Amino acid sequence: GGLAGASSTLAATADLTGRPGLARGLK
């Protein structure tokens, strides 16, 4: 549960900073 929640927040950061590979893997 902790991994899921933090991964979603980090994925949004990756999306906003133009890192599609990182965002896709975290989502």
mmCIF file of all heavy atoms, coordinates in Angstrom:
data_MODEL
# 
_entry.id   MODEL 
# 
loop_
_atom_site.group_PDB 
_atom_site.id 
_atom_site.type_symbol 
_atom_site.label_atom_id 
_atom_site.label_alt_id 
_atom_site.label_comp_id 
_atom_site.label_asym_id 
_atom_site.label_entity_id 
_atom_site.label_seq_id 
_atom_site.pdbx_PDB_ins_code 
_atom_site.Cartn_x 
_atom_site.Cartn_y 
_atom_site.Cartn_z 
_atom_site.occupancy 
_atom_site.B_iso_or_equiv 
_atom_site.pdbx_formal_charge 
_atom_site.auth_seq_id 
_atom_site.auth_comp_id 
_atom_site.auth_asym_id 
_atom_site.auth_atom_id 
_atom_site.pdbx_PDB_model_num 
ATOM 1   N N   . GLY A 1 1  ? 0.811  -1.206 0.000   1.00 0.00 ? 1  GLY A N   1 
ATOM 2   C CA  . GLY A 1 1  ? 0.000  0.000  0.000   1.00 0.00 ? 1  GLY A CA  1 
ATOM 3   C C   . GLY A 1 1  ? 0.850  1.265  0.000   1.00 0.00 ? 1  GLY A C   1 
ATOM 4   O O   . GLY A 1 1  ? 0.575  2.222  -0.721  1.00 0.00 ? 1  GLY A O   1 
ATOM 5   N N   . GLY A 1 2  ? 1.916  1.259  0.821   1.00 0.00 ? 2  GLY A N   1 
ATOM 6   C CA  . GLY A 1 2  ? 2.817  2.404  0.828   1.00 0.00 ? 2  GLY A CA  1 
ATOM 7   C C   . GLY A 1 2  ? 3.526  2.586  -0.499  1.00 0.00 ? 2  GLY A C   1 
ATOM 8   O O   . GLY A 1 2  ? 3.691  3.716  -0.985  1.00 0.00 ? 2  GLY A O   1 
ATOM 9   N N   . LEU A 1 3  ? 3.950  1.483  -1.108  1.00 0.00 ? 3  LEU A N   1 
ATOM 10  C CA  . LEU A 1 3  ? 4.611  1.548  -2.415  1.00 0.00 ? 3  LEU A CA  1 
ATOM 11  C C   . LEU A 1 3  ? 3.680  2.125  -3.473  1.00 0.00 ? 3  LEU A C   1 
ATOM 12  O O   . LEU A 1 3  ? 4.088  2.963  -4.290  1.00 0.00 ? 3  LEU A O   1 
ATOM 13  C CB  . LEU A 1 3  ? 5.075  0.143  -2.810  1.00 0.00 ? 3  LEU A CB  1 
ATOM 14  C CG  . LEU A 1 3  ? 5.660  -0.026 -4.212  1.00 0.00 ? 3  LEU A CG  1 
ATOM 15  C CD1 . LEU A 1 3  ? 6.904  0.838  -4.380  1.00 0.00 ? 3  LEU A CD1 1 
ATOM 16  C CD2 . LEU A 1 3  ? 5.990  -1.487 -4.474  1.00 0.00 ? 3  LEU A CD2 1 
ATOM 17  N N   . ALA A 1 4  ? 2.409  1.703  -3.456  1.00 0.00 ? 4  ALA A N   1 
ATOM 18  C CA  . ALA A 1 4  ? 1.456  2.195  -4.441  1.00 0.00 ? 4  ALA A CA  1 
ATOM 19  C C   . ALA A 1 4  ? 1.237  3.699  -4.302  1.00 0.00 ? 4  ALA A C   1 
ATOM 20  O O   . ALA A 1 4  ? 1.297  4.452  -5.283  1.00 0.00 ? 4  ALA A O   1 
ATOM 21  C CB  . ALA A 1 4  ? 0.133  1.444  -4.292  1.00 0.00 ? 4  ALA A CB  1 
ATOM 22  N N   . GLY A 1 5  ? 0.953  4.159  -3.087  1.00 0.00 ? 5  GLY A N   1 
ATOM 23  C CA  . GLY A 1 5  ? 0.668  5.574  -2.891  1.00 0.00 ? 5  GLY A CA  1 
ATOM 24  C C   . GLY A 1 5  ? 1.835  6.470  -3.279  1.00 0.00 ? 5  GLY A C   1 
ATOM 25  O O   . GLY A 1 5  ? 1.655  7.477  -3.981  1.00 0.00 ? 5  GLY A O   1 
ATOM 26  N N   . ALA A 1 6  ? 3.035  6.127  -2.831  1.00 0.00 ? 6  ALA A N   1 
ATOM 27  C CA  . ALA A 1 6  ? 4.200  6.954  -3.154  1.00 0.00 ? 6  ALA A CA  1 
ATOM 28  C C   . ALA A 1 6  ? 4.536  6.884  -4.636  1.00 0.00 ? 6  ALA A C   1 
ATOM 29  O O   . ALA A 1 6  ? 4.988  7.873  -5.228  1.00 0.00 ? 6  ALA A O   1 
ATOM 30  C CB  . ALA A 1 6  ? 5.396  6.502  -2.317  1.00 0.00 ? 6  ALA A CB  1 
ATOM 31  N N   . SER A 1 7  ? 4.316  5.731  -5.280  1.00 0.00 ? 7  SER A N   1 
ATOM 32  C CA  . SER A 1 7  ? 4.594  5.605  -6.706  1.00 0.00 ? 7  SER A CA  1 
ATOM 33  C C   . SER A 1 7  ? 3.684  6.509  -7.531  1.00 0.00 ? 7  SER A C   1 
ATOM 34  O O   . SER A 1 7  ? 4.111  7.098  -8.528  1.00 0.00 ? 7  SER A O   1 
ATOM 35  C CB  . SER A 1 7  ? 4.423  4.144  -7.144  1.00 0.00 ? 7  SER A CB  1 
ATOM 36  O OG  . SER A 1 7  ? 5.400  3.317  -6.556  1.00 0.00 ? 7  SER A OG  1 
ATOM 37  N N   . SER A 1 8  ? 2.422  6.642  -7.125  1.00 0.00 ? 8  SER A N   1 
ATOM 38  C CA  . SER A 1 8  ? 1.505  7.523  -7.851  1.00 0.00 ? 8  SER A CA  1 
ATOM 39  C C   . SER A 1 8  ? 1.946  8.978  -7.759  1.00 0.00 ? 8  SER A C   1 
ATOM 40  O O   . SER A 1 8  ? 1.892  9.724  -8.752  1.00 0.00 ? 8  SER A O   1 
ATOM 41  C CB  . SER A 1 8  ? 0.089  7.371  -7.293  1.00 0.00 ? 8  SER A CB  1 
ATOM 42  O OG  . SER A 1 8  ? -0.445 6.098  -7.594  1.00 0.00 ? 8  SER A OG  1 
ATOM 43  N N   . THR A 1 9  ? 2.391  9.388  -6.586  1.00 0.00 ? 9  THR A N   1 
ATOM 44  C CA  . THR A 1 9  ? 2.854  10.772 -6.431  1.00 0.00 ? 9  THR A CA  1 
ATOM 45  C C   . THR A 1 9  ? 4.122  11.013 -7.251  1.00 0.00 ? 9  THR A C   1 
ATOM 46  O O   . THR A 1 9  ? 4.260  12.053 -7.917  1.00 0.00 ? 9  THR A O   1 
ATOM 47  C CB  . THR A 1 9  ? 3.122  11.066 -4.948  1.00 0.00 ? 9  THR A CB  1 
ATOM 48  O OG1 . THR A 1 9  ? 1.914  10.842 -4.203  1.00 0.00 ? 9  THR A OG1 1 
ATOM 49  C CG2 . THR A 1 9  ? 3.574  12.498 -4.752  1.00 0.00 ? 9  THR A CG2 1 
ATOM 50  N N   . LEU A 1 10 ? 5.040  10.062 -7.227  1.00 0.00 ? 10 LEU A N   1 
ATOM 51  C CA  . LEU A 1 10 ? 6.269  10.204 -8.003  1.00 0.00 ? 10 LEU A CA  1 
ATOM 52  C C   . LEU A 1 10 ? 5.981  10.143 -9.501  1.00 0.00 ? 10 LEU A C   1 
ATOM 53  O O   . LEU A 1 10 ? 6.646  10.822 -10.299 1.00 0.00 ? 10 LEU A O   1 
ATOM 54  C CB  . LEU A 1 10 ? 7.256  9.114  -7.604  1.00 0.00 ? 10 LEU A CB  1 
ATOM 55  C CG  . LEU A 1 10 ? 8.688  9.233  -8.126  1.00 0.00 ? 10 LEU A CG  1 
ATOM 56  C CD1 . LEU A 1 10 ? 9.309  10.569 -7.742  1.00 0.00 ? 10 LEU A CD1 1 
ATOM 57  C CD2 . LEU A 1 10 ? 9.539  8.078  -7.603  1.00 0.00 ? 10 LEU A CD2 1 
ATOM 58  N N   . ALA A 1 11 ? 4.980  9.358  -9.913  1.00 0.00 ? 11 ALA A N   1 
ATOM 59  C CA  . ALA A 1 11 ? 4.615  9.279  -11.325 1.00 0.00 ? 11 ALA A CA  1 
ATOM 60  C C   . ALA A 1 11 ? 4.111  10.617 -11.842 1.00 0.00 ? 11 ALA A C   1 
ATOM 61  O O   . ALA A 1 11 ? 4.416  11.024 -12.976 1.00 0.00 ? 11 ALA A O   1 
ATOM 62  C CB  . ALA A 1 11 ? 3.548  8.200  -11.526 1.00 0.00 ? 11 ALA A CB  1 
ATOM 63  N N   . ALA A 1 12 ? 3.321  11.326 -11.037 1.00 0.00 ? 12 ALA A N   1 
ATOM 64  C CA  . ALA A 1 12 ? 2.841  12.642 -11.450 1.00 0.00 ? 12 ALA A CA  1 
ATOM 65  C C   . ALA A 1 12 ? 4.001  13.611 -11.605 1.00 0.00 ? 12 ALA A C   1 
ATOM 66  O O   . ALA A 1 12 ? 4.032  14.423 -12.545 1.00 0.00 ? 12 ALA A O   1 
ATOM 67  C CB  . ALA A 1 12 ? 1.844  13.169 -10.424 1.00 0.00 ? 12 ALA A CB  1 
ATOM 68  N N   . THR A 1 13 ? 4.982  13.540 -10.713 1.00 0.00 ? 13 THR A N   1 
ATOM 69  C CA  . THR A 1 13 ? 6.178  14.374 -10.842 1.00 0.00 ? 13 THR A CA  1 
ATOM 70  C C   . THR A 1 13 ? 6.912  14.073 -12.140 1.00 0.00 ? 13 THR A C   1 
ATOM 71  O O   . THR A 1 13 ? 7.375  14.983 -12.845 1.00 0.00 ? 13 THR A O   1 
ATOM 72  C CB  . THR A 1 13 ? 7.113  14.143 -9.641  1.00 0.00 ? 13 THR A CB  1 
ATOM 73  O OG1 . THR A 1 13 ? 6.406  14.431 -8.433  1.00 0.00 ? 13 THR A OG1 1 
ATOM 74  C CG2 . THR A 1 13 ? 8.353  15.016 -9.734  1.00 0.00 ? 13 THR A CG2 1 
ATOM 75  N N   . ALA A 1 14 ? 7.028  12.792 -12.469 1.00 0.00 ? 14 ALA A N   1 
ATOM 76  C CA  . ALA A 1 14 ? 7.693  12.412 -13.717 1.00 0.00 ? 14 ALA A CA  1 
ATOM 77  C C   . ALA A 1 14 ? 6.921  12.923 -14.928 1.00 0.00 ? 14 ALA A C   1 
ATOM 78  O O   . ALA A 1 14 ? 7.512  13.378 -15.918 1.00 0.00 ? 14 ALA A O   1 
ATOM 79  C CB  . ALA A 1 14 ? 7.829  10.890 -13.770 1.00 0.00 ? 14 ALA A CB  1 
ATOM 80  N N   . ASP A 1 15 ? 5.586  12.849 -14.886 1.00 0.00 ? 15 ASP A N   1 
ATOM 81  C CA  . ASP A 1 15 ? 4.776  13.366 -15.992 1.00 0.00 ? 15 ASP A CA  1 
ATOM 82  C C   . ASP A 1 15 ? 4.996  14.863 -16.188 1.00 0.00 ? 15 ASP A C   1 
ATOM 83  O O   . ASP A 1 15 ? 5.161  15.351 -17.315 1.00 0.00 ? 15 ASP A O   1 
ATOM 84  C CB  . ASP A 1 15 ? 3.302  13.105 -15.702 1.00 0.00 ? 15 ASP A CB  1 
ATOM 85  C CG  . ASP A 1 15 ? 2.727  11.974 -16.542 1.00 0.00 ? 15 ASP A CG  1 
ATOM 86  O OD1 . ASP A 1 15 ? 3.426  11.501 -17.468 1.00 0.00 ? 15 ASP A OD1 1 
ATOM 87  O OD2 . ASP A 1 15 ? 1.591  11.554 -16.266 1.00 0.00 ? 15 ASP A OD2 1 
ATOM 88  N N   . LEU A 1 16 ? 4.978  15.598 -15.093 1.00 0.00 ? 16 LEU A N   1 
ATOM 89  C CA  . LEU A 1 16 ? 5.083  17.051 -15.171 1.00 0.00 ? 16 LEU A CA  1 
ATOM 90  C C   . LEU A 1 16 ? 6.470  17.517 -15.600 1.00 0.00 ? 16 LEU A C   1 
ATOM 91  O O   . LEU A 1 16 ? 6.617  18.647 -16.087 1.00 0.00 ? 16 LEU A O   1 
ATOM 92  C CB  . LEU A 1 16 ? 4.724  17.666 -13.812 1.00 0.00 ? 16 LEU A CB  1 
ATOM 93  C CG  . LEU A 1 16 ? 3.268  17.487 -13.365 1.00 0.00 ? 16 LEU A CG  1 
ATOM 94  C CD1 . LEU A 1 16 ? 3.067  18.003 -11.950 1.00 0.00 ? 16 LEU A CD1 1 
ATOM 95  C CD2 . LEU A 1 16 ? 2.312  18.177 -14.335 1.00 0.00 ? 16 LEU A CD2 1 
ATOM 96  N N   . THR A 1 17 ? 7.480  16.684 -15.419 1.00 0.00 ? 17 THR A N   1 
ATOM 97  C CA  . THR A 1 17 ? 8.846  17.060 -15.800 1.00 0.00 ? 17 THR A CA  1 
ATOM 98  C C   . THR A 1 17 ? 9.298  16.392 -17.093 1.00 0.00 ? 17 THR A C   1 
ATOM 99  O O   . THR A 1 17 ? 10.479 16.418 -17.421 1.00 0.00 ? 17 THR A O   1 
ATOM 100 C CB  . THR A 1 17 ? 9.830  16.691 -14.673 1.00 0.00 ? 17 THR A CB  1 
ATOM 101 O OG1 . THR A 1 17 ? 9.699  15.299 -14.362 1.00 0.00 ? 17 THR A OG1 1 
ATOM 102 C CG2 . THR A 1 17 ? 9.557  17.518 -13.421 1.00 0.00 ? 17 THR A CG2 1 
ATOM 103 N N   . GLY A 1 18 ? 8.368  15.791 -17.839 1.00 0.00 ? 18 GLY A N   1 
ATOM 104 C CA  . GLY A 1 18 ? 8.682  15.239 -19.142 1.00 0.00 ? 18 GLY A CA  1 
ATOM 105 C C   . GLY A 1 18 ? 9.517  13.975 -19.117 1.00 0.00 ? 18 GLY A C   1 
ATOM 106 O O   . GLY A 1 18 ? 10.448 13.825 -19.912 1.00 0.00 ? 18 GLY A O   1 
ATOM 107 N N   . ARG A 1 19 ? 9.165  13.042 -18.248 1.00 0.00 ? 19 ARG A N   1 
ATOM 108 C CA  . ARG A 1 19 ? 9.856  11.744 -18.169 1.00 0.00 ? 19 ARG A CA  1 
ATOM 109 C C   . ARG A 1 19 ? 8.820  10.632 -18.386 1.00 0.00 ? 19 ARG A C   1 
ATOM 110 O O   . ARG A 1 19 ? 8.384  9.964  -17.444 1.00 0.00 ? 19 ARG A O   1 
ATOM 111 C CB  . ARG A 1 19 ? 10.540 11.597 -16.817 1.00 0.00 ? 19 ARG A CB  1 
ATOM 112 C CG  . ARG A 1 19 ? 11.696 12.578 -16.610 1.00 0.00 ? 19 ARG A CG  1 
ATOM 113 C CD  . ARG A 1 19 ? 12.258 12.439 -15.202 1.00 0.00 ? 19 ARG A CD  1 
ATOM 114 N NE  . ARG A 1 19 ? 13.517 13.133 -15.038 1.00 0.00 ? 19 ARG A NE  1 
ATOM 115 C CZ  . ARG A 1 19 ? 13.635 14.423 -14.712 1.00 0.00 ? 19 ARG A CZ  1 
ATOM 116 N NH1 . ARG A 1 19 ? 12.532 15.154 -14.519 1.00 0.00 ? 19 ARG A NH1 1 
ATOM 117 N NH2 . ARG A 1 19 ? 14.820 14.979 -14.600 1.00 0.00 ? 19 ARG A NH2 1 
ATOM 118 N N   . PRO A 1 20 ? 8.407  10.387 -19.614 1.00 0.00 ? 20 PRO A N   1 
ATOM 119 C CA  . PRO A 1 20 ? 7.318  9.428  -19.878 1.00 0.00 ? 20 PRO A CA  1 
ATOM 120 C C   . PRO A 1 20 ? 7.661  7.996  -19.489 1.00 0.00 ? 20 PRO A C   1 
ATOM 121 O O   . PRO A 1 20 ? 6.787  7.249  -19.033 1.00 0.00 ? 20 PRO A O   1 
ATOM 122 C CB  . PRO A 1 20 ? 7.093  9.558  -21.389 1.00 0.00 ? 20 PRO A CB  1 
ATOM 123 C CG  . PRO A 1 20 ? 8.381  10.102 -21.926 1.00 0.00 ? 20 PRO A CG  1 
ATOM 124 C CD  . PRO A 1 20 ? 8.918  10.998 -20.852 1.00 0.00 ? 20 PRO A CD  1 
ATOM 125 N N   . GLY A 1 21 ? 8.895  7.563  -19.685 1.00 0.00 ? 21 GLY A N   1 
ATOM 126 C CA  . GLY A 1 21 ? 9.260  6.197  -19.323 1.00 0.00 ? 21 GLY A CA  1 
ATOM 127 C C   . GLY A 1 21 ? 9.152  5.957  -17.825 1.00 0.00 ? 21 GLY A C   1 
ATOM 128 O O   . GLY A 1 21 ? 8.616  4.931  -17.378 1.00 0.00 ? 21 GLY A O   1 
ATOM 129 N N   . LEU A 1 22 ? 9.659  6.905  -17.045 1.00 0.00 ? 22 LEU A N   1 
ATOM 130 C CA  . LEU A 1 22 ? 9.578  6.797  -15.590 1.00 0.00 ? 22 LEU A CA  1 
ATOM 131 C C   . LEU A 1 22 ? 8.128  6.838  -15.125 1.00 0.00 ? 22 LEU A C   1 
ATOM 132 O O   . LEU A 1 22 ? 7.706  6.046  -14.267 1.00 0.00 ? 22 LEU A O   1 
ATOM 133 C CB  . LEU A 1 22 ? 10.375 7.927  -14.943 1.00 0.00 ? 22 LEU A CB  1 
ATOM 134 C CG  . LEU A 1 22 ? 10.339 8.014  -13.411 1.00 0.00 ? 22 LEU A CG  1 
ATOM 135 C CD1 . LEU A 1 22 ? 10.913 6.758  -12.778 1.00 0.00 ? 22 LEU A CD1 1 
ATOM 136 C CD2 . LEU A 1 22 ? 11.108 9.254  -12.932 1.00 0.00 ? 22 LEU A CD2 1 
ATOM 137 N N   . ALA A 1 23 ? 7.329  7.749  -15.712 1.00 0.00 ? 23 ALA A N   1 
ATOM 138 C CA  . ALA A 1 23 ? 5.927  7.872  -15.315 1.00 0.00 ? 23 ALA A CA  1 
ATOM 139 C C   . ALA A 1 23 ? 5.160  6.586  -15.624 1.00 0.00 ? 23 ALA A C   1 
ATOM 140 O O   . ALA A 1 23 ? 4.380  6.098  -14.794 1.00 0.00 ? 23 ALA A O   1 
ATOM 141 C CB  . ALA A 1 23 ? 5.288  9.056  -16.028 1.00 0.00 ? 23 ALA A CB  1 
ATOM 142 N N   . ARG A 1 24 ? 5.373  6.034  -16.808 1.00 0.00 ? 24 ARG A N   1 
ATOM 143 C CA  . ARG A 1 24 ? 4.651  4.816  -17.188 1.00 0.00 ? 24 ARG A CA  1 
ATOM 144 C C   . ARG A 1 24 ? 5.006  3.641  -16.267 1.00 0.00 ? 24 ARG A C   1 
ATOM 145 O O   . ARG A 1 24 ? 4.127  2.896  -15.819 1.00 0.00 ? 24 ARG A O   1 
ATOM 146 C CB  . ARG A 1 24 ? 4.977  4.457  -18.641 1.00 0.00 ? 24 ARG A CB  1 
ATOM 147 C CG  . ARG A 1 24 ? 4.199  3.269  -19.169 1.00 0.00 ? 24 ARG A CG  1 
ATOM 148 C CD  . ARG A 1 24 ? 4.327  3.136  -20.670 1.00 0.00 ? 24 ARG A CD  1 
ATOM 149 N NE  . ARG A 1 24 ? 5.725  3.120  -21.097 1.00 0.00 ? 24 ARG A NE  1 
ATOM 150 C CZ  . ARG A 1 24 ? 6.339  4.131  -21.739 1.00 0.00 ? 24 ARG A CZ  1 
ATOM 151 N NH1 . ARG A 1 24 ? 5.652  5.236  -22.018 1.00 0.00 ? 24 ARG A NH1 1 
ATOM 152 N NH2 . ARG A 1 24 ? 7.598  4.046  -22.098 1.00 0.00 ? 24 ARG A NH2 1 
ATOM 153 N N   . GLY A 1 25 ? 6.282  3.478  -15.972 1.00 0.00 ? 25 GLY A N   1 
ATOM 154 C CA  . GLY A 1 25 ? 6.689  2.388  -15.086 1.00 0.00 ? 25 GLY A CA  1 
ATOM 155 C C   . GLY A 1 25 ? 6.130  2.524  -13.687 1.00 0.00 ? 25 GLY A C   1 
ATOM 156 O O   . GLY A 1 25 ? 5.702  1.538  -13.073 1.00 0.00 ? 25 GLY A O   1 
ATOM 157 N N   . LEU A 1 26 ? 6.098  3.756  -13.161 1.00 0.00 ? 26 LEU A N   1 
ATOM 158 C CA  . LEU A 1 26 ? 5.579  3.968  -11.810 1.00 0.00 ? 26 LEU A CA  1 
ATOM 159 C C   . LEU A 1 26 ? 4.068  3.787  -11.750 1.00 0.00 ? 26 LEU A C   1 
ATOM 160 O O   . LEU A 1 26 ? 3.529  3.254  -10.769 1.00 0.00 ? 26 LEU A O   1 
ATOM 161 C CB  . LEU A 1 26 ? 5.961  5.368  -11.329 1.00 0.00 ? 26 LEU A CB  1 
ATOM 162 C CG  . LEU A 1 26 ? 7.427  5.554  -10.937 1.00 0.00 ? 26 LEU A CG  1 
ATOM 163 C CD1 . LEU A 1 26 ? 7.745  7.028  -10.741 1.00 0.00 ? 26 LEU A CD1 1 
ATOM 164 C CD2 . LEU A 1 26 ? 7.740  4.773  -9.667  1.00 0.00 ? 26 LEU A CD2 1 
ATOM 165 N N   . LYS A 1 27 ? 3.348  4.218  -12.790 1.00 0.00 ? 27 LYS A N   1 
ATOM 166 C CA  . LYS A 1 27 ? 1.891  4.036  -12.798 1.00 0.00 ? 27 LYS A CA  1 
ATOM 167 C C   . LYS A 1 27 ? 1.531  2.556  -12.847 1.00 0.00 ? 27 LYS A C   1 
ATOM 168 O O   . LYS A 1 27 ? 0.627  2.097  -12.123 1.00 0.00 ? 27 LYS A O   1 
ATOM 169 C CB  . LYS A 1 27 ? 1.284  4.769  -13.994 1.00 0.00 ? 27 LYS A CB  1 
ATOM 170 C CG  . LYS A 1 27 ? 1.359  6.280  -13.888 1.00 0.00 ? 27 LYS A CG  1 
ATOM 171 C CD  . LYS A 1 27 ? 0.861  6.928  -15.167 1.00 0.00 ? 27 LYS A CD  1 
ATOM 172 C CE  . LYS A 1 27 ? 1.083  8.434  -15.160 1.00 0.00 ? 27 LYS A CE  1 
ATOM 173 N NZ  . LYS A 1 27 ? 0.640  9.068  -16.420 1.00 0.00 ? 27 LYS A NZ  1 
# 
